C-alpha cells in the first residue's frame, strides 16, 4: 500500500488545553473607571482631597486619611469634582451614587424634551371668520401642550398696514390669555410680525372668584 507524503510545512498553533482564564472579580478601587468617569477609592491620585457630605466633617484631608474614614463607614470615597484644587470627594455607597446620577440625568432629559411649536399665519386684514377659525386651532394646540407661534405676513405694499398686524396679534394673545402665556411681544422681522405663546399649566389661568360677601366688605 502506497504511503501518503509526510507534511513538512508550518503547523497551526495548537489550542491551549484547560479552561480559559476567568476575569477577576471587580472590586471598588480596582480596574478602570466606570463609564460615569468618577474615580473611586484607590483610583484617586491626589495627595489630599476636600471631603463633603453628611457622613464626615467637611474639610481637607490627606488621601490616606480620607480612605481610612470611608473604610470605617464601609462606604466608598468618590471623586465628584476632579478639576477642583484639591479635588472634592464624597463618602457614600458607590451603587447608590450611580443610581442618583442616572436618576438626575433622566430628569434632565425629560426637562429638555423637544418642544412642539405650531404656527398660525394671518394676513394684515384677516376677517372675523378666518380669525375665529385660527383662534380655535390655537386653543387646541395650547391645550395639547404645544407652543403657538402666530405671525402676520406682509406681502408687497401690505407692509403699510403693520400697525393693524400688531393690533391683530395683541388681540389674538388676549383672547388666549386663559390658555397661553405671551413669551414675546410682536416683533417685525423682514415681512413677518410674530408673537410666541407658551401653554399655561392647568389652573394657572383661572381668576379668583369674588363672592357676594367679599363685595359687601
N, C-alpha and C. Protein backbone atom coordinates (compact mmCIF):
# COMPACT_ATOMS: atom_id res chain seq x y z
N UNK A 1 0.85 -1.20 0.00
CA UNK A 1 0.00 0.00 0.00
C UNK A 1 0.88 1.24 0.00
N UNK A 2 0.57 2.20 -0.91
CA UNK A 2 1.41 3.39 -1.06
C UNK A 2 1.21 4.34 0.11
N UNK A 3 2.29 4.84 0.71
CA UNK A 3 2.22 5.76 1.85
C UNK A 3 2.01 7.19 1.37
N UNK A 4 1.20 7.96 2.18
CA UNK A 4 0.99 9.37 1.86
C UNK A 4 2.21 10.19 2.25
N UNK A 5 2.55 11.22 1.46
CA UNK A 5 3.74 12.02 1.79
C UNK A 5 3.55 12.74 3.12
N UNK A 6 4.61 12.83 3.88
CA UNK A 6 4.58 13.48 5.20
C UNK A 6 4.64 15.00 5.03
N UNK A 7 3.71 15.76 5.69
CA UNK A 7 3.67 17.23 5.57
C UNK A 7 4.76 17.85 6.43
N UNK A 8 5.56 18.71 5.77
CA UNK A 8 6.70 19.32 6.46
C UNK A 8 6.56 20.83 6.60
N UNK A 9 5.38 21.37 6.21
CA UNK A 9 5.17 22.82 6.29
C UNK A 9 4.87 23.28 7.71
N UNK A 10 4.56 24.59 7.87
CA UNK A 10 4.29 25.12 9.21
C UNK A 10 3.01 24.55 9.79
N UNK A 11 3.05 24.31 11.07
CA UNK A 11 1.90 23.75 11.75
C UNK A 11 0.98 24.85 12.30
N UNK A 12 -0.33 24.58 12.39
CA UNK A 12 -1.29 25.50 13.02
C UNK A 12 -1.04 25.51 14.52
N UNK A 13 -1.03 26.70 15.13
CA UNK A 13 -0.80 26.74 16.57
C UNK A 13 -1.84 25.93 17.31
N UNK A 14 -1.37 25.16 18.23
CA UNK A 14 -2.29 24.31 18.98
C UNK A 14 -3.05 25.14 20.00
N UNK A 15 -4.30 24.75 20.27
CA UNK A 15 -5.14 25.44 21.25
C UNK A 15 -4.73 25.00 22.64
N UNK A 16 -4.43 25.93 23.54
CA UNK A 16 -4.01 25.53 24.88
C UNK A 16 -5.12 24.76 25.58
N UNK A 17 -4.68 23.74 26.27
CA UNK A 17 -5.65 22.89 26.96
C UNK A 17 -6.07 23.52 28.27
N UNK A 18 -7.18 23.06 28.80
CA UNK A 18 -7.66 23.56 30.09
C UNK A 18 -8.62 24.72 29.90
N UNK A 19 -9.28 25.12 30.97
CA UNK A 19 -10.27 26.19 30.89
C UNK A 19 -9.63 27.54 30.64
N UNK A 20 -10.38 28.45 29.99
CA UNK A 20 -9.89 29.80 29.74
C UNK A 20 -9.75 30.55 31.06
N UNK A 21 -8.79 31.46 31.12
CA UNK A 21 -8.64 32.23 32.36
C UNK A 21 -9.86 33.11 32.58
N UNK A 22 -10.37 33.11 33.78
CA UNK A 22 -11.54 33.90 34.12
C UNK A 22 -11.13 35.31 34.52
N UNK A 23 -12.01 36.29 34.18
CA UNK A 23 -11.74 37.67 34.55
C UNK A 23 -11.91 37.81 36.06
N UNK A 24 -10.99 38.51 36.68
CA UNK A 24 -11.03 38.67 38.12
C UNK A 24 -12.26 39.43 38.56
N UNK A 25 -12.65 39.23 39.81
CA UNK A 25 -13.82 39.92 40.36
C UNK A 25 -13.55 41.42 40.41
N UNK A 26 -14.61 42.22 40.10
CA UNK A 26 -14.47 43.68 40.12
C UNK A 26 -14.62 44.15 41.56
N UNK A 27 -13.64 44.85 42.02
CA UNK A 27 -13.70 45.41 43.36
C UNK A 27 -13.62 46.92 43.28
N UNK A 28 -14.21 47.59 44.28
CA UNK A 28 -14.12 49.04 44.33
C UNK A 28 -12.65 49.44 44.42
N UNK A 29 -12.28 50.39 43.57
CA UNK A 29 -10.92 50.91 43.63
C UNK A 29 -9.97 50.16 42.73
N UNK A 30 -10.42 49.13 42.01
CA UNK A 30 -9.55 48.37 41.14
C UNK A 30 -10.05 48.45 39.72
N UNK A 31 -9.12 48.32 38.76
CA UNK A 31 -9.51 48.32 37.35
C UNK A 31 -9.77 49.71 36.83
N UNK A 32 -10.48 49.78 35.69
CA UNK A 32 -10.76 51.05 35.04
C UNK A 32 -11.94 51.74 35.70
N UNK A 33 -12.05 53.03 35.41
CA UNK A 33 -13.18 53.80 35.93
C UNK A 33 -14.48 53.31 35.31
N UNK A 34 -15.56 53.51 36.04
CA UNK A 34 -16.88 53.24 35.49
C UNK A 34 -17.16 54.24 34.38
N UNK A 35 -18.16 53.95 33.56
CA UNK A 35 -18.44 54.80 32.41
C UNK A 35 -18.86 56.21 32.80
N UNK A 36 -19.17 56.42 34.10
CA UNK A 36 -19.55 57.78 34.51
C UNK A 36 -18.31 58.63 34.78
N UNK A 37 -17.08 58.02 34.67
CA UNK A 37 -15.82 58.75 34.78
C UNK A 37 -15.57 59.33 36.17
N UNK A 38 -16.15 58.77 37.19
CA UNK A 38 -15.85 59.19 38.55
C UNK A 38 -14.86 58.20 39.16
N UNK A 39 -13.70 58.72 39.55
CA UNK A 39 -12.72 57.87 40.22
C UNK A 39 -13.19 57.56 41.63
N UNK A 40 -12.90 56.34 42.08
CA UNK A 40 -13.30 55.95 43.43
C UNK A 40 -12.13 55.28 44.14
N UNK A 41 -12.08 55.46 45.45
CA UNK A 41 -11.13 54.77 46.32
C UNK A 41 -9.68 54.85 45.81
N UNK A 42 -9.06 53.71 45.51
CA UNK A 42 -7.64 53.70 45.12
C UNK A 42 -7.40 54.31 43.74
N UNK A 43 -8.45 54.60 42.98
CA UNK A 43 -8.27 55.26 41.68
C UNK A 43 -7.92 56.74 41.85
N UNK A 44 -8.23 57.31 42.98
CA UNK A 44 -7.99 58.75 43.22
C UNK A 44 -6.50 58.96 43.43
N UNK A 45 -5.89 59.83 42.63
CA UNK A 45 -4.44 60.02 42.63
C UNK A 45 -3.97 61.26 43.40
N UNK A 46 -4.89 62.10 43.83
CA UNK A 46 -4.50 63.33 44.52
C UNK A 46 -3.90 63.01 45.88
N UNK A 47 -2.95 63.86 46.33
CA UNK A 47 -2.32 63.66 47.63
C UNK A 47 -3.26 64.02 48.77
N UNK A 48 -4.15 64.98 48.52
CA UNK A 48 -5.14 65.36 49.52
C UNK A 48 -6.44 65.72 48.81
N UNK A 49 -7.54 65.61 49.54
CA UNK A 49 -8.85 65.86 48.95
C UNK A 49 -9.70 66.66 49.93
N UNK A 50 -10.74 67.30 49.38
CA UNK A 50 -11.70 68.00 50.21
C UNK A 50 -12.94 67.11 50.37
N UNK A 51 -13.24 66.74 51.60
CA UNK A 51 -14.39 65.89 51.86
C UNK A 51 -15.64 66.72 52.10
N UNK A 52 -16.75 66.27 51.51
CA UNK A 52 -18.06 66.88 51.75
C UNK A 52 -19.06 65.76 51.96
N UNK A 53 -20.22 66.10 52.50
CA UNK A 53 -21.26 65.11 52.66
C UNK A 53 -21.78 65.05 54.08
N UNK A 54 -22.72 64.14 54.28
CA UNK A 54 -23.41 64.03 55.58
C UNK A 54 -22.65 63.18 56.58
N UNK A 55 -21.71 62.36 56.10
CA UNK A 55 -21.09 61.37 56.98
C UNK A 55 -19.73 61.80 57.52
N UNK A 56 -19.33 63.03 57.26
CA UNK A 56 -17.99 63.44 57.66
C UNK A 56 -17.96 64.95 57.87
N UNK A 57 -17.03 65.40 58.68
CA UNK A 57 -16.83 66.83 58.87
C UNK A 57 -16.11 67.38 57.63
N UNK A 58 -16.70 68.37 57.01
CA UNK A 58 -16.13 68.91 55.77
C UNK A 58 -14.76 69.52 56.04
N UNK A 59 -13.86 69.31 55.09
CA UNK A 59 -12.51 69.86 55.23
C UNK A 59 -11.55 69.15 54.31
N UNK A 60 -10.28 69.55 54.37
CA UNK A 60 -9.24 68.97 53.53
C UNK A 60 -8.51 67.87 54.32
N UNK A 61 -8.39 66.69 53.71
CA UNK A 61 -7.78 65.54 54.37
C UNK A 61 -6.71 64.93 53.45
N UNK A 62 -5.65 64.37 54.01
CA UNK A 62 -4.75 63.54 53.20
C UNK A 62 -5.53 62.37 52.63
N UNK A 63 -5.15 61.91 51.45
CA UNK A 63 -5.89 60.85 50.79
C UNK A 63 -5.95 59.59 51.64
N UNK A 64 -4.87 59.29 52.36
CA UNK A 64 -4.86 58.09 53.20
C UNK A 64 -5.90 58.21 54.31
N UNK A 65 -6.02 59.39 54.90
CA UNK A 65 -6.98 59.60 55.97
C UNK A 65 -8.41 59.53 55.42
N UNK A 66 -8.64 60.10 54.23
CA UNK A 66 -9.96 60.06 53.62
C UNK A 66 -10.38 58.62 53.32
N UNK A 67 -9.44 57.82 52.83
CA UNK A 67 -9.74 56.41 52.56
C UNK A 67 -10.01 55.65 53.86
N UNK A 68 -9.30 56.00 54.91
CA UNK A 68 -9.50 55.33 56.19
C UNK A 68 -10.91 55.62 56.73
N UNK A 69 -11.34 56.90 56.62
CA UNK A 69 -12.67 57.28 57.10
C UNK A 69 -13.74 56.54 56.31
N UNK A 70 -13.55 56.48 54.99
CA UNK A 70 -14.53 55.77 54.16
C UNK A 70 -14.58 54.29 54.52
N UNK A 71 -13.41 53.70 54.78
CA UNK A 71 -13.36 52.29 55.15
C UNK A 71 -14.04 52.02 56.48
N UNK A 72 -13.88 52.93 57.43
CA UNK A 72 -14.53 52.76 58.73
C UNK A 72 -16.05 52.73 58.60
N UNK A 73 -16.57 53.50 57.67
CA UNK A 73 -18.02 53.56 57.47
C UNK A 73 -18.52 52.52 56.47
N UNK A 74 -17.57 51.70 55.96
CA UNK A 74 -17.90 50.68 54.96
C UNK A 74 -18.59 51.31 53.75
N UNK A 75 -18.07 52.46 53.35
CA UNK A 75 -18.56 53.18 52.19
C UNK A 75 -17.41 53.46 51.24
N UNK A 76 -17.70 54.12 50.12
CA UNK A 76 -16.70 54.42 49.11
C UNK A 76 -16.33 55.90 49.13
N UNK A 77 -15.09 56.18 48.75
CA UNK A 77 -14.63 57.55 48.56
C UNK A 77 -14.78 57.86 47.07
N UNK A 78 -15.64 58.80 46.73
CA UNK A 78 -15.98 59.09 45.33
C UNK A 78 -15.52 60.49 44.97
N UNK A 79 -14.74 60.62 43.91
CA UNK A 79 -14.25 61.92 43.45
C UNK A 79 -15.33 62.56 42.58
N UNK A 80 -15.97 63.62 43.10
CA UNK A 80 -17.09 64.23 42.37
C UNK A 80 -16.70 65.51 41.64
N UNK A 81 -15.56 66.10 41.98
CA UNK A 81 -15.09 67.32 41.30
C UNK A 81 -13.58 67.25 41.14
N UNK A 82 -13.09 66.45 40.16
CA UNK A 82 -11.64 66.27 39.98
C UNK A 82 -10.91 67.54 39.56
N UNK A 83 -11.64 68.50 38.98
CA UNK A 83 -11.00 69.72 38.49
C UNK A 83 -10.70 70.71 39.60
N UNK A 84 -11.29 70.51 40.78
CA UNK A 84 -11.06 71.42 41.89
C UNK A 84 -9.67 71.20 42.48
N UNK A 85 -9.20 72.16 43.26
CA UNK A 85 -7.88 72.08 43.89
C UNK A 85 -8.02 72.35 45.39
N UNK A 86 -7.96 71.31 46.24
CA UNK A 86 -7.83 69.89 45.89
C UNK A 86 -9.15 69.32 45.39
N UNK A 87 -9.12 68.12 44.77
CA UNK A 87 -10.35 67.51 44.28
C UNK A 87 -11.37 67.31 45.40
N UNK A 88 -12.64 67.43 45.05
CA UNK A 88 -13.72 67.26 46.02
C UNK A 88 -14.20 65.82 45.98
N UNK A 89 -14.30 65.21 47.16
CA UNK A 89 -14.73 63.82 47.26
C UNK A 89 -15.90 63.70 48.24
N UNK A 90 -16.68 62.66 48.03
CA UNK A 90 -17.83 62.39 48.88
C UNK A 90 -17.79 60.94 49.33
N UNK A 91 -18.16 60.72 50.58
CA UNK A 91 -18.18 59.36 51.11
C UNK A 91 -19.62 58.86 51.09
N UNK A 92 -19.87 57.83 50.30
CA UNK A 92 -21.18 57.23 50.24
C UNK A 92 -21.09 55.91 49.48
N UNK A 93 -22.15 55.14 49.46
CA UNK A 93 -22.18 53.89 48.71
C UNK A 93 -22.13 54.18 47.21
N UNK A 94 -21.20 53.54 46.53
CA UNK A 94 -20.98 53.85 45.12
C UNK A 94 -22.19 53.49 44.25
N UNK A 95 -22.84 52.37 44.53
CA UNK A 95 -24.01 51.97 43.74
C UNK A 95 -25.16 52.96 43.94
N UNK A 96 -25.31 53.44 45.15
CA UNK A 96 -26.34 54.45 45.42
C UNK A 96 -26.01 55.74 44.68
N UNK A 97 -24.73 56.09 44.63
CA UNK A 97 -24.28 57.28 43.91
C UNK A 97 -24.61 57.16 42.43
N UNK A 98 -24.33 56.00 41.84
CA UNK A 98 -24.63 55.79 40.42
C UNK A 98 -26.13 55.87 40.15
N UNK A 99 -26.93 55.31 41.06
CA UNK A 99 -28.38 55.37 40.91
C UNK A 99 -28.86 56.82 40.91
N UNK A 100 -28.34 57.64 41.82
CA UNK A 100 -28.73 59.04 41.88
C UNK A 100 -28.30 59.79 40.63
N UNK A 101 -27.12 59.46 40.11
CA UNK A 101 -26.63 60.10 38.88
C UNK A 101 -27.55 59.79 37.70
N UNK A 102 -27.93 58.53 37.56
CA UNK A 102 -28.80 58.14 36.43
C UNK A 102 -30.18 58.76 36.57
N UNK A 103 -30.68 58.83 37.80
CA UNK A 103 -31.99 59.43 38.03
C UNK A 103 -31.96 60.91 37.66
N UNK A 104 -30.88 61.62 38.05
CA UNK A 104 -30.75 63.03 37.74
C UNK A 104 -30.66 63.26 36.23
N UNK A 105 -29.89 62.40 35.54
CA UNK A 105 -29.76 62.52 34.09
C UNK A 105 -31.10 62.28 33.40
N UNK A 106 -31.87 61.33 33.91
CA UNK A 106 -33.18 61.04 33.33
C UNK A 106 -34.11 62.23 33.48
N UNK A 107 -34.08 62.87 34.65
CA UNK A 107 -34.92 64.04 34.89
C UNK A 107 -34.51 65.20 33.99
N UNK A 108 -33.20 65.37 33.78
CA UNK A 108 -32.72 66.44 32.91
C UNK A 108 -33.15 66.21 31.46
N UNK A 109 -33.11 64.95 31.03
CA UNK A 109 -33.55 64.64 29.66
C UNK A 109 -35.04 64.91 29.48
N UNK A 110 -35.81 64.60 30.53
CA UNK A 110 -37.25 64.85 30.47
C UNK A 110 -37.55 66.33 30.36
N UNK A 111 -36.78 67.15 31.08
CA UNK A 111 -36.98 68.59 31.03
C UNK A 111 -36.55 69.17 29.68
N UNK A 112 -35.55 68.52 29.09
CA UNK A 112 -35.04 69.02 27.81
C UNK A 112 -35.75 68.39 26.61
N UNK A 113 -36.90 67.76 26.86
CA UNK A 113 -37.66 67.14 25.77
C UNK A 113 -38.01 68.19 24.71
N UNK A 114 -38.06 67.75 23.48
CA UNK A 114 -38.32 68.66 22.38
C UNK A 114 -39.69 69.32 22.50
N UNK A 115 -39.70 70.64 22.39
CA UNK A 115 -40.94 71.40 22.49
C UNK A 115 -41.56 71.52 21.10
N UNK A 116 -42.85 71.20 21.02
CA UNK A 116 -43.57 71.30 19.75
C UNK A 116 -44.05 72.73 19.57
N UNK A 117 -43.79 73.31 18.40
CA UNK A 117 -44.22 74.67 18.08
C UNK A 117 -45.15 74.62 16.87
N UNK A 118 -46.36 75.12 17.05
CA UNK A 118 -47.34 75.17 15.96
C UNK A 118 -47.44 76.61 15.45
N UNK A 119 -47.50 76.75 14.14
CA UNK A 119 -47.56 78.09 13.54
C UNK A 119 -48.97 78.43 13.07
N UNK A 120 -49.35 79.68 13.30
CA UNK A 120 -50.62 80.22 12.84
C UNK A 120 -50.31 81.46 12.00
N UNK A 121 -50.79 81.47 10.78
CA UNK A 121 -50.48 82.58 9.87
C UNK A 121 -51.71 83.45 9.64
N UNK A 122 -51.51 84.75 9.71
CA UNK A 122 -52.56 85.73 9.42
C UNK A 122 -52.11 86.66 8.30
N UNK A 123 -53.08 87.27 7.67
CA UNK A 123 -52.82 88.41 6.80
C UNK A 123 -53.14 89.68 7.59
N UNK A 124 -52.65 90.83 7.19
CA UNK A 124 -52.89 92.06 7.95
C UNK A 124 -54.36 92.47 8.00
N UNK A 125 -55.17 91.95 7.08
CA UNK A 125 -56.59 92.31 7.05
C UNK A 125 -57.46 91.05 7.12
N UNK A 126 -57.13 90.17 8.07
CA UNK A 126 -57.87 88.92 8.26
C UNK A 126 -59.30 89.22 8.74
N UNK A 127 -60.28 88.57 8.12
CA UNK A 127 -61.68 88.80 8.54
C UNK A 127 -62.00 87.98 9.79
N UNK A 128 -63.14 88.27 10.39
CA UNK A 128 -63.51 87.65 11.66
C UNK A 128 -63.69 86.13 11.54
N UNK A 129 -64.24 85.68 10.41
CA UNK A 129 -64.46 84.24 10.23
C UNK A 129 -63.13 83.49 10.25
N UNK A 130 -62.17 83.97 9.49
CA UNK A 130 -60.84 83.34 9.43
C UNK A 130 -60.14 83.44 10.78
N UNK A 131 -60.29 84.59 11.44
CA UNK A 131 -59.67 84.81 12.74
C UNK A 131 -60.19 83.80 13.76
N UNK A 132 -61.49 83.63 13.83
CA UNK A 132 -62.08 82.71 14.81
C UNK A 132 -61.72 81.26 14.51
N UNK A 133 -61.60 80.94 13.24
CA UNK A 133 -61.20 79.59 12.84
C UNK A 133 -59.78 79.29 13.35
N UNK A 134 -58.87 80.24 13.19
CA UNK A 134 -57.48 80.05 13.62
C UNK A 134 -57.35 80.15 15.14
N UNK A 135 -58.20 80.95 15.75
CA UNK A 135 -58.21 81.04 17.21
C UNK A 135 -58.57 79.68 17.82
N UNK A 136 -59.53 79.00 17.22
CA UNK A 136 -59.94 77.68 17.72
C UNK A 136 -58.81 76.68 17.59
N UNK A 137 -58.07 76.73 16.49
CA UNK A 137 -56.93 75.84 16.31
C UNK A 137 -55.86 76.12 17.37
N UNK A 138 -55.59 77.39 17.62
CA UNK A 138 -54.58 77.76 18.62
C UNK A 138 -54.97 77.29 20.01
N UNK A 139 -56.25 77.37 20.34
CA UNK A 139 -56.72 76.88 21.63
C UNK A 139 -56.44 75.38 21.77
N UNK A 140 -56.68 74.64 20.71
CA UNK A 140 -56.41 73.20 20.74
C UNK A 140 -54.92 72.91 20.91
N UNK A 141 -54.07 73.66 20.20
CA UNK A 141 -52.62 73.45 20.30
C UNK A 141 -52.13 73.69 21.73
N UNK A 142 -52.58 74.77 22.34
CA UNK A 142 -52.15 75.10 23.70
C UNK A 142 -52.64 74.07 24.70
N UNK A 143 -53.85 73.59 24.51
CA UNK A 143 -54.39 72.57 25.41
C UNK A 143 -53.62 71.25 25.30
N UNK A 144 -53.03 71.01 24.14
CA UNK A 144 -52.22 69.81 23.94
C UNK A 144 -50.80 69.97 24.48
N UNK A 145 -50.46 71.19 24.92
CA UNK A 145 -49.13 71.43 25.48
C UNK A 145 -48.12 71.98 24.48
N UNK A 146 -48.56 72.34 23.28
CA UNK A 146 -47.65 72.89 22.28
C UNK A 146 -47.57 74.41 22.39
N UNK A 147 -46.44 74.95 21.95
CA UNK A 147 -46.32 76.39 21.83
C UNK A 147 -47.01 76.84 20.54
N UNK A 148 -47.41 78.11 20.53
CA UNK A 148 -48.04 78.68 19.33
C UNK A 148 -47.21 79.88 18.88
N UNK A 149 -46.80 79.83 17.62
CA UNK A 149 -46.09 80.95 17.01
C UNK A 149 -47.03 81.55 15.97
N UNK A 150 -47.60 82.70 16.31
CA UNK A 150 -48.54 83.35 15.41
C UNK A 150 -47.84 84.52 14.71
N UNK A 151 -48.09 84.66 13.43
CA UNK A 151 -47.44 85.76 12.71
C UNK A 151 -48.35 86.31 11.62
N UNK A 152 -48.13 87.58 11.35
CA UNK A 152 -48.80 88.26 10.24
C UNK A 152 -47.78 88.41 9.12
N UNK A 153 -48.14 87.94 7.94
CA UNK A 153 -47.24 88.03 6.79
C UNK A 153 -47.66 89.21 5.91
N UNK A 154 -46.72 90.10 5.70
CA UNK A 154 -46.98 91.30 4.89
C UNK A 154 -46.43 91.06 3.49
N UNK A 155 -47.34 91.06 2.52
CA UNK A 155 -46.96 90.83 1.14
C UNK A 155 -47.02 92.13 0.36
N UNK A 156 -45.92 92.46 -0.28
CA UNK A 156 -45.87 93.67 -1.11
C UNK A 156 -46.12 94.93 -0.29
N UNK A 157 -47.07 95.75 -0.74
CA UNK A 157 -47.36 97.03 -0.10
C UNK A 157 -48.18 96.89 1.17
N UNK A 158 -48.56 95.65 1.53
CA UNK A 158 -49.33 95.47 2.76
C UNK A 158 -48.52 95.78 4.01
N UNK A 159 -47.19 95.99 3.86
CA UNK A 159 -46.36 96.38 4.99
C UNK A 159 -46.81 97.72 5.56
N UNK A 160 -47.56 98.47 4.76
CA UNK A 160 -48.08 99.76 5.22
C UNK A 160 -49.10 99.56 6.34
N UNK A 161 -49.62 98.34 6.48
CA UNK A 161 -50.63 98.06 7.50
C UNK A 161 -50.02 97.33 8.71
N UNK A 162 -48.75 97.58 8.98
CA UNK A 162 -48.10 96.85 10.07
C UNK A 162 -48.73 97.16 11.43
N UNK A 163 -49.30 98.36 11.60
CA UNK A 163 -49.99 98.67 12.86
C UNK A 163 -51.21 97.77 13.04
N UNK A 164 -51.92 97.51 11.94
CA UNK A 164 -53.07 96.62 12.00
C UNK A 164 -52.63 95.20 12.37
N UNK A 165 -51.48 94.81 11.86
CA UNK A 165 -50.95 93.49 12.19
C UNK A 165 -50.63 93.36 13.67
N UNK A 166 -50.06 94.42 14.23
CA UNK A 166 -49.72 94.41 15.65
C UNK A 166 -50.98 94.32 16.51
N UNK A 167 -52.00 95.10 16.13
CA UNK A 167 -53.27 95.07 16.86
C UNK A 167 -53.89 93.68 16.79
N UNK A 168 -53.82 93.06 15.63
CA UNK A 168 -54.38 91.72 15.43
C UNK A 168 -53.68 90.70 16.34
N UNK A 169 -52.37 90.75 16.41
CA UNK A 169 -51.63 89.78 17.22
C UNK A 169 -51.87 89.98 18.71
N UNK A 170 -51.98 91.23 19.14
CA UNK A 170 -52.25 91.50 20.55
C UNK A 170 -53.66 91.06 20.93
N UNK A 171 -54.59 91.23 20.00
CA UNK A 171 -55.95 90.72 20.24
C UNK A 171 -55.94 89.21 20.36
N UNK A 172 -55.16 88.57 19.50
CA UNK A 172 -55.04 87.11 19.50
C UNK A 172 -54.48 86.62 20.84
N UNK A 173 -53.44 87.27 21.33
CA UNK A 173 -52.84 86.90 22.61
C UNK A 173 -53.82 87.11 23.76
N UNK A 174 -54.59 88.20 23.68
CA UNK A 174 -55.57 88.50 24.73
C UNK A 174 -56.69 87.45 24.77
N UNK A 175 -57.13 87.01 23.58
CA UNK A 175 -58.20 86.01 23.51
C UNK A 175 -57.73 84.64 23.99
N UNK A 176 -56.41 84.44 24.08
CA UNK A 176 -55.86 83.15 24.51
C UNK A 176 -55.23 83.22 25.89
N UNK A 177 -55.46 84.30 26.63
CA UNK A 177 -54.76 84.50 27.89
C UNK A 177 -55.08 83.43 28.93
N UNK A 178 -56.24 82.79 28.84
CA UNK A 178 -56.57 81.74 29.80
C UNK A 178 -55.79 80.45 29.54
N UNK A 179 -55.29 80.28 28.33
CA UNK A 179 -54.59 79.05 27.95
C UNK A 179 -53.10 79.25 27.70
N UNK A 180 -52.73 80.47 27.26
CA UNK A 180 -51.34 80.69 26.87
C UNK A 180 -50.74 81.94 27.49
N UNK A 181 -49.44 81.86 27.72
CA UNK A 181 -48.67 82.98 28.25
C UNK A 181 -47.86 83.61 27.12
N UNK A 182 -47.92 84.93 27.02
CA UNK A 182 -47.21 85.63 25.95
C UNK A 182 -45.72 85.69 26.27
N UNK A 183 -44.91 84.99 25.49
CA UNK A 183 -43.46 84.97 25.69
C UNK A 183 -42.76 86.10 24.96
N UNK A 184 -43.34 86.55 23.88
CA UNK A 184 -42.68 87.55 23.04
C UNK A 184 -43.71 88.50 22.48
N UNK A 185 -43.52 89.79 22.72
CA UNK A 185 -44.38 90.82 22.15
C UNK A 185 -44.18 90.85 20.63
N UNK A 186 -45.12 91.46 19.89
CA UNK A 186 -44.99 91.48 18.43
C UNK A 186 -43.65 92.05 17.98
N UNK A 187 -42.96 91.27 17.16
CA UNK A 187 -41.64 91.66 16.64
C UNK A 187 -41.68 91.54 15.12
N UNK A 188 -41.27 92.60 14.43
CA UNK A 188 -41.23 92.62 12.97
C UNK A 188 -39.86 92.19 12.49
N UNK A 189 -39.83 91.08 11.75
CA UNK A 189 -38.59 90.57 11.16
C UNK A 189 -38.83 90.35 9.68
N UNK A 190 -38.27 91.22 8.88
CA UNK A 190 -38.50 91.14 7.44
C UNK A 190 -39.95 91.41 7.10
N UNK A 191 -40.63 90.43 6.52
CA UNK A 191 -42.04 90.58 6.15
C UNK A 191 -42.97 89.93 7.17
N UNK A 192 -42.44 89.51 8.30
CA UNK A 192 -43.25 88.83 9.32
C UNK A 192 -43.24 89.61 10.63
N UNK A 193 -44.42 89.70 11.24
CA UNK A 193 -44.55 90.19 12.61
C UNK A 193 -45.03 89.02 13.45
N UNK A 194 -44.30 88.70 14.51
CA UNK A 194 -44.50 87.43 15.21
C UNK A 194 -44.71 87.61 16.70
N UNK A 195 -45.54 86.73 17.28
CA UNK A 195 -45.62 86.57 18.73
C UNK A 195 -45.50 85.08 19.04
N UNK A 196 -45.10 84.77 20.28
CA UNK A 196 -44.98 83.38 20.71
C UNK A 196 -45.74 83.21 22.02
N UNK A 197 -46.55 82.17 22.07
CA UNK A 197 -47.35 81.85 23.26
C UNK A 197 -46.96 80.47 23.78
N UNK A 198 -46.77 80.37 25.10
CA UNK A 198 -46.49 79.08 25.73
C UNK A 198 -47.72 78.63 26.51
N UNK A 199 -47.98 77.32 26.54
CA UNK A 199 -49.15 76.83 27.28
C UNK A 199 -49.01 77.06 28.78
N UNK A 200 -50.09 77.46 29.42
CA UNK A 200 -50.10 77.61 30.86
C UNK A 200 -50.37 76.26 31.50
N UNK A 201 -49.91 76.10 32.74
CA UNK A 201 -50.22 74.89 33.49
C UNK A 201 -51.70 74.90 33.85
N UNK A 202 -52.31 73.74 33.95
CA UNK A 202 -53.74 73.69 34.31
C UNK A 202 -54.02 74.44 35.60
N UNK A 203 -55.01 75.33 35.54
CA UNK A 203 -55.40 76.08 36.73
C UNK A 203 -54.69 77.40 36.90
N UNK A 204 -53.57 77.63 36.15
CA UNK A 204 -52.82 78.86 36.35
C UNK A 204 -53.49 80.06 35.73
N UNK A 205 -54.41 79.81 34.78
CA UNK A 205 -55.07 80.93 34.13
C UNK A 205 -56.40 81.30 34.72
N UNK A 206 -56.82 80.57 35.78
CA UNK A 206 -58.11 80.85 36.38
C UNK A 206 -58.03 82.03 37.32
N UNK A 207 -58.99 82.90 37.21
CA UNK A 207 -59.04 84.05 38.08
C UNK A 207 -59.82 83.71 39.35
N UNK A 208 -59.42 84.32 40.44
CA UNK A 208 -60.08 84.08 41.71
C UNK A 208 -61.51 84.63 41.67
N UNK A 209 -62.45 83.77 42.05
CA UNK A 209 -63.84 84.19 42.05
C UNK A 209 -64.14 85.03 43.30
N UNK A 210 -64.85 86.12 43.11
CA UNK A 210 -65.18 87.01 44.20
C UNK A 210 -66.62 86.75 44.60
N UNK A 211 -66.84 86.43 45.87
CA UNK A 211 -68.17 86.12 46.34
C UNK A 211 -68.92 87.38 46.67
N UNK A 212 -70.23 87.25 46.84
CA UNK A 212 -71.06 88.40 47.21
C UNK A 212 -70.66 88.97 48.56
N UNK A 213 -70.22 88.07 49.47
CA UNK A 213 -69.82 88.52 50.79
C UNK A 213 -68.58 89.40 50.72
N UNK A 214 -67.63 89.07 49.76
CA UNK A 214 -66.43 89.89 49.61
C UNK A 214 -66.80 91.27 49.09
N UNK A 215 -67.80 91.34 48.19
CA UNK A 215 -68.19 92.63 47.63
C UNK A 215 -68.84 93.52 48.69
N UNK A 216 -69.49 92.90 49.69
CA UNK A 216 -70.15 93.68 50.72
C UNK A 216 -69.17 94.33 51.68
N UNK A 217 -67.95 93.74 51.74
CA UNK A 217 -66.98 94.26 52.69
C UNK A 217 -66.43 95.60 52.23
